[in-house]
N, C-alpha and C. Protein backbone atom coordinates (compact mmCIF):
# COMPACT_ATOMS: atom_id res chain seq x y z
N MET A 1 -1.10 2.19 22.94
CA MET A 1 0.14 2.09 23.17
C MET A 1 1.32 2.44 22.65
N PRO A 2 2.79 2.89 23.17
CA PRO A 2 3.55 3.06 22.09
C PRO A 2 4.32 1.38 21.57
N GLY A 3 4.84 1.99 20.68
CA GLY A 3 5.55 0.31 20.33
C GLY A 3 6.05 0.89 19.08
N LEU A 4 6.53 -0.49 18.15
CA LEU A 4 7.80 0.08 17.19
C LEU A 4 7.02 -2.20 16.18
N THR A 5 6.91 -1.74 14.51
CA THR A 5 6.31 -2.98 13.97
C THR A 5 6.88 -2.95 12.82
N LYS A 6 8.14 -3.90 11.75
CA LYS A 6 8.54 -3.86 11.72
C LYS A 6 7.89 -4.46 10.15
N PHE A 7 7.58 -4.95 9.15
CA PHE A 7 6.62 -5.79 8.60
C PHE A 7 7.15 -5.75 7.02
N SER A 8 7.66 -6.16 5.75
CA SER A 8 6.86 -6.03 4.85
C SER A 8 5.82 -7.02 3.89
N GLY A 9 5.99 -6.66 3.20
CA GLY A 9 4.81 -7.01 2.06
C GLY A 9 4.40 -7.12 0.74
N ARG A 10 2.95 -7.67 -0.13
CA ARG A 10 3.58 -7.06 -1.67
C ARG A 10 2.98 -6.49 -1.76
N PRO A 11 3.18 -5.33 -3.04
CA PRO A 11 1.78 -4.54 -2.73
C PRO A 11 0.66 -4.70 -3.79
N HIS A 12 -1.01 -5.07 -3.40
CA HIS A 12 -1.45 -5.08 -4.35
C HIS A 12 -2.99 -4.03 -4.53
N TYR A 13 -3.05 -3.57 -6.25
CA TYR A 13 -3.73 -2.53 -6.20
C TYR A 13 -5.83 -2.58 -6.53
N ASP A 14 -6.59 -2.70 -6.40
CA ASP A 14 -8.10 -2.50 -6.83
C ASP A 14 -8.02 -2.10 -7.48
N GLN A 15 -8.32 -1.67 -9.07
CA GLN A 15 -8.28 -1.59 -9.76
C GLN A 15 -9.68 -0.14 -9.32
N GLY A 16 -11.01 -1.29 -8.76
CA GLY A 16 -11.98 -0.35 -8.57
C GLY A 16 -12.50 0.33 -7.49
N SER A 17 -11.49 0.13 -7.13
CA SER A 17 -11.58 1.21 -5.39
C SER A 17 -10.49 2.33 -5.96
N GLY A 18 -8.71 2.07 -6.56
CA GLY A 18 -8.34 2.89 -6.39
C GLY A 18 -7.68 2.42 -4.82
N ASN A 19 -7.56 1.27 -4.67
CA ASN A 19 -6.54 1.50 -2.98
C ASN A 19 -5.40 0.40 -3.18
N PHE A 20 -5.07 0.91 -2.25
CA PHE A 20 -3.26 -0.21 -3.18
C PHE A 20 -3.56 -0.20 -1.32
N TYR A 21 -2.85 -1.87 -1.07
CA TYR A 21 -2.61 -2.56 -0.21
C TYR A 21 -2.11 -3.15 -0.33
N LEU A 22 -1.21 -4.50 1.40
CA LEU A 22 -0.29 -5.25 0.91
C LEU A 22 -1.13 -6.16 1.29
N GLN A 23 -0.26 -7.74 0.46
CA GLN A 23 -0.97 -8.82 0.70
C GLN A 23 0.35 -9.47 1.48
N ASP A 24 1.09 -10.58 1.88
CA ASP A 24 1.30 -11.67 2.32
C ASP A 24 2.17 -10.80 3.17
N VAL A 25 1.25 -10.03 4.38
CA VAL A 25 2.05 -9.63 4.89
C VAL A 25 3.44 -10.37 5.67
N GLN A 26 4.20 -10.17 6.62
CA GLN A 26 4.81 -10.70 7.37
C GLN A 26 5.85 -10.42 8.29
N VAL A 27 5.34 -9.75 9.25
CA VAL A 27 6.10 -8.59 10.45
C VAL A 27 7.34 -9.56 10.97
N SER A 28 8.11 -8.72 11.16
CA SER A 28 9.77 -9.66 11.32
C SER A 28 10.39 -8.55 12.51
N GLU A 29 9.58 -8.40 13.32
CA GLU A 29 9.66 -7.62 14.70
C GLU A 29 8.55 -6.87 15.15
N PHE A 30 7.78 -6.67 16.71
CA PHE A 30 6.57 -6.63 17.31
C PHE A 30 6.95 -6.25 18.07
N GLN A 31 6.71 -5.13 18.72
CA GLN A 31 6.43 -4.37 20.09
C GLN A 31 6.60 -3.55 20.04
N MET A 32 5.10 -3.94 21.90
CA MET A 32 4.46 -2.79 22.72
C MET A 32 4.54 -2.84 23.87
N ASN A 33 4.49 -1.53 24.09
CA ASN A 33 4.62 -1.46 25.19
C ASN A 33 3.25 -0.66 26.17
N GLY A 34 3.75 -0.62 27.82
CA GLY A 34 2.75 -0.66 29.11
C GLY A 34 1.44 -1.14 29.08
N ASN A 35 1.05 -2.56 28.68
CA ASN A 35 0.58 -3.79 29.04
C ASN A 35 0.15 -4.56 30.12
N ALA A 36 -0.45 -4.51 30.39
CA ALA A 36 -0.77 -4.79 31.32
C ALA A 36 0.12 -6.68 31.99
N PRO A 37 0.78 -6.77 33.15
CA PRO A 37 2.06 -7.96 33.15
C PRO A 37 1.40 -8.99 32.50
N ASN A 38 0.18 -9.48 32.69
CA ASN A 38 -0.19 -10.70 32.03
C ASN A 38 -0.80 -10.67 31.15
N PHE A 39 -0.75 -9.47 30.33
CA PHE A 39 -0.81 -8.90 28.49
C PHE A 39 -0.05 -9.75 27.67
N ASN A 40 1.53 -9.47 28.49
CA ASN A 40 1.82 -9.20 27.46
C ASN A 40 2.68 -10.45 26.95
N ASP A 41 2.45 -11.27 27.23
CA ASP A 41 2.31 -13.12 26.09
C ASP A 41 1.19 -13.58 24.68
N VAL A 42 0.06 -12.96 25.63
CA VAL A 42 -0.54 -12.46 24.12
C VAL A 42 -0.34 -11.62 23.65
N VAL A 43 -0.02 -10.90 23.85
CA VAL A 43 0.59 -9.82 22.89
C VAL A 43 1.46 -10.13 21.98
N ARG A 44 2.56 -10.07 22.62
CA ARG A 44 3.42 -11.04 21.43
C ARG A 44 2.82 -11.96 20.89
N VAL A 45 2.27 -12.61 20.87
CA VAL A 45 1.53 -14.17 20.27
C VAL A 45 0.70 -13.38 19.17
N LEU A 46 -0.67 -12.52 19.40
CA LEU A 46 -1.55 -12.23 18.75
C LEU A 46 -1.04 -11.39 17.62
N GLY A 47 0.12 -10.67 18.45
CA GLY A 47 0.69 -8.50 17.31
C GLY A 47 0.65 -9.23 16.77
N PRO A 48 1.52 -9.73 16.07
CA PRO A 48 2.12 -9.77 14.06
C PRO A 48 1.31 -10.42 13.46
N GLY A 49 -0.09 -11.30 14.12
CA GLY A 49 -1.11 -11.51 12.95
C GLY A 49 -2.54 -10.57 12.85
N ILE A 50 -2.56 -9.75 14.20
CA ILE A 50 -3.59 -8.72 14.02
C ILE A 50 -2.45 -7.59 13.45
N VAL A 51 -1.15 -7.55 13.87
CA VAL A 51 -0.86 -6.54 11.78
C VAL A 51 -1.16 -6.69 10.93
N ALA A 52 -0.58 -7.90 10.65
CA ALA A 52 -0.95 -8.13 9.20
C ALA A 52 -2.79 -8.58 8.15
N ALA A 53 -3.23 -8.43 9.26
CA ALA A 53 -4.66 -8.91 8.69
C ALA A 53 -5.40 -7.12 8.46
N ILE A 54 -4.52 -6.54 9.62
CA ILE A 54 -5.21 -4.62 9.71
C ILE A 54 -4.24 -4.37 8.30
N MET A 55 -3.21 -5.21 8.35
CA MET A 55 -2.79 -4.21 6.32
C MET A 55 -3.22 -4.94 5.10
N ASN A 56 -3.60 -5.63 5.40
CA ASN A 56 -4.67 -6.14 4.28
C ASN A 56 -5.88 -6.33 3.85
N ARG A 57 -6.63 -5.44 4.91
CA ARG A 57 -7.74 -5.37 5.00
C ARG A 57 -7.94 -3.82 4.35
N PHE A 58 -7.18 -2.82 4.94
CA PHE A 58 -6.87 -2.02 5.11
C PHE A 58 -6.76 -0.68 4.11
N PRO A 59 -6.11 -0.68 3.39
CA PRO A 59 -5.74 -0.09 2.54
C PRO A 59 -4.46 1.12 2.60
N VAL A 60 -3.11 1.23 2.21
CA VAL A 60 -2.19 2.08 2.31
C VAL A 60 -1.85 2.95 1.86
N TYR A 61 -2.77 2.94 1.14
CA TYR A 61 -2.75 4.29 -0.28
C TYR A 61 -4.11 4.45 -1.05
N SER A 62 -4.63 5.60 -1.33
CA SER A 62 -6.06 5.79 -2.56
C SER A 62 -4.96 6.79 -3.26
N ILE A 63 -5.57 6.25 -4.21
CA ILE A 63 -5.73 7.20 -5.84
C ILE A 63 -6.61 8.57 -5.29
N GLN A 64 -7.86 8.07 -5.09
CA GLN A 64 -9.05 8.66 -5.21
C GLN A 64 -9.11 8.60 -4.33
N SER A 65 -8.62 9.40 -2.94
CA SER A 65 -7.61 10.77 -2.07
C SER A 65 -8.04 12.06 -2.79
N HIS A 66 -7.76 12.07 -4.08
CA HIS A 66 -8.20 13.12 -4.14
C HIS A 66 -9.54 13.93 -4.96
N PRO A 67 -10.28 14.35 -4.77
CA PRO A 67 -11.62 14.51 -5.12
C PRO A 67 -12.13 15.27 -6.71
N LYS A 68 -10.86 15.84 -7.51
CA LYS A 68 -11.35 16.03 -8.79
C LYS A 68 -10.35 15.64 -9.34
N TYR A 69 -8.80 14.81 -9.07
CA TYR A 69 -8.46 14.36 -10.46
C TYR A 69 -7.69 12.62 -9.27
N GLY A 70 -8.87 12.39 -8.15
CA GLY A 70 -8.99 10.66 -8.61
C GLY A 70 -9.44 9.86 -9.24
N ALA A 71 -10.41 9.62 -9.50
CA ALA A 71 -10.68 9.39 -11.02
C ALA A 71 -10.27 9.31 -12.35
N ILE A 72 -9.53 9.72 -12.81
CA ILE A 72 -8.70 10.42 -13.94
C ILE A 72 -7.08 9.64 -13.36
N ALA A 73 -6.56 9.46 -12.44
CA ALA A 73 -5.65 8.87 -11.95
C ALA A 73 -5.83 7.69 -12.29
N LYS A 74 -6.91 7.07 -11.99
CA LYS A 74 -7.71 5.81 -11.09
C LYS A 74 -7.39 5.02 -12.70
N LEU A 75 -7.56 6.07 -13.92
CA LEU A 75 -7.50 5.49 -15.17
C LEU A 75 -6.36 5.77 -15.89
N ALA A 76 -5.56 6.49 -15.70
CA ALA A 76 -4.37 6.58 -16.12
C ALA A 76 -3.45 5.63 -15.24
N LEU A 77 -3.82 5.28 -14.56
CA LEU A 77 -2.48 4.28 -13.68
C LEU A 77 -1.47 3.10 -14.73
N LYS A 78 -0.98 2.76 -15.02
CA LYS A 78 0.14 1.86 -16.50
C LYS A 78 0.83 0.88 -15.14
N SER A 79 1.32 1.42 -14.56
CA SER A 79 1.86 -0.15 -13.60
C SER A 79 2.13 0.63 -12.01
N VAL A 80 2.18 -0.79 -11.41
CA VAL A 80 2.52 -0.62 -9.98
C VAL A 80 3.99 -2.12 -9.44
N ARG A 81 4.94 -1.07 -9.09
CA ARG A 81 5.67 -2.31 -8.92
C ARG A 81 6.90 -1.84 -7.97
N VAL A 82 7.23 -3.09 -7.34
CA VAL A 82 8.80 -2.46 -6.46
C VAL A 82 9.93 -2.36 -6.65
N SER A 83 10.56 -1.21 -6.16
CA SER A 83 11.70 -1.69 -6.98
C SER A 83 12.62 -1.17 -5.72
N ASP A 84 14.27 -1.82 -5.69
CA ASP A 84 14.81 -1.54 -5.23
C ASP A 84 14.36 -0.87 -2.90
N ARG A 85 13.00 -1.77 -2.85
CA ARG A 85 11.85 -1.76 -2.04
C ARG A 85 11.25 -0.32 -1.80
N GLN A 86 11.12 0.35 -3.37
CA GLN A 86 9.77 1.04 -3.30
C GLN A 86 9.48 0.61 -3.83
N LEU A 87 7.94 1.54 -3.35
CA LEU A 87 6.49 0.95 -4.49
C LEU A 87 6.53 2.69 -5.30
N GLN A 88 6.79 1.46 -6.57
CA GLN A 88 6.62 2.70 -7.71
C GLN A 88 5.57 2.63 -8.57
N VAL A 89 4.44 3.74 -8.13
CA VAL A 89 3.27 4.24 -9.61
C VAL A 89 3.87 4.86 -10.45
N VAL A 90 3.64 3.96 -12.27
CA VAL A 90 3.80 4.83 -13.03
C VAL A 90 2.38 4.80 -13.72
N PHE A 91 2.39 5.87 -13.99
CA PHE A 91 0.80 7.36 -14.37
C PHE A 91 1.27 7.20 -16.41
N ALA A 92 0.00 6.99 -16.86
CA ALA A 92 0.30 7.13 -19.01
C ALA A 92 0.23 8.45 -18.35
N ASN A 93 0.68 9.23 -18.72
CA ASN A 93 0.35 10.43 -20.03
C ASN A 93 -0.40 10.94 -20.85
N PRO A 94 -1.52 11.36 -20.65
CA PRO A 94 -2.62 12.21 -21.50
C PRO A 94 -2.72 11.79 -22.99
N LEU A 95 -1.84 13.51 -22.95
CA LEU A 95 -1.03 13.86 -23.96
C LEU A 95 -0.16 13.43 -24.44
N LEU A 96 0.96 11.74 -24.43
CA LEU A 96 0.99 10.97 -25.16
C LEU A 96 0.84 9.91 -24.36
N LEU A 97 -0.43 9.87 -24.77
CA LEU A 97 -0.92 8.57 -25.83
C LEU A 97 -0.68 7.36 -26.85
N ASN A 98 -1.00 8.23 -27.51
CA ASN A 98 -1.30 8.66 -28.75
C ASN A 98 0.22 9.00 -29.70
N THR A 99 1.28 8.09 -29.63
CA THR A 99 3.04 9.00 -29.78
C THR A 99 2.54 7.96 -30.76
N SER A 100 2.20 7.02 -32.19
CA SER A 100 2.56 6.90 -33.51
C SER A 100 2.49 8.09 -34.27
N HIS A 101 1.91 9.27 -33.93
CA HIS A 101 1.29 10.17 -34.53
C HIS A 101 2.44 11.04 -34.40
N ARG A 102 3.00 11.39 -34.06
CA ARG A 102 3.27 12.46 -33.75
C ARG A 102 4.10 13.42 -34.36
N PRO A 103 3.50 15.08 -34.25
CA PRO A 103 3.69 15.67 -34.77
C PRO A 103 5.91 16.13 -35.50
N PRO A 104 6.81 16.45 -36.26
CA PRO A 104 7.17 16.77 -37.01
C PRO A 104 8.30 17.58 -36.47
N GLN A 105 9.21 17.48 -36.35
CA GLN A 105 10.21 17.97 -35.25
C GLN A 105 10.79 19.73 -36.20
């Protein structure tokens, strides 16, 4: 069914699986078209809770998605944060992990 949902949440990274989830999902707008007339109230009342439950349970992104590099990326994850409403994922550069012994320039 076509519709529109706007929501926000707090990103959560599960290191064991390499998956990102949204927690504390808050639905600010929910519309679903094409419902049976006697079903509109049910969709309006229950829809936001269903969206929140889905976003809490199913990953929105997985580092493991690349078959060759997923495991390496999972180990190299340095930090995850939200800045200016964007998710920023920072990975350690494996070539620069030990920067205390840099060669002379």
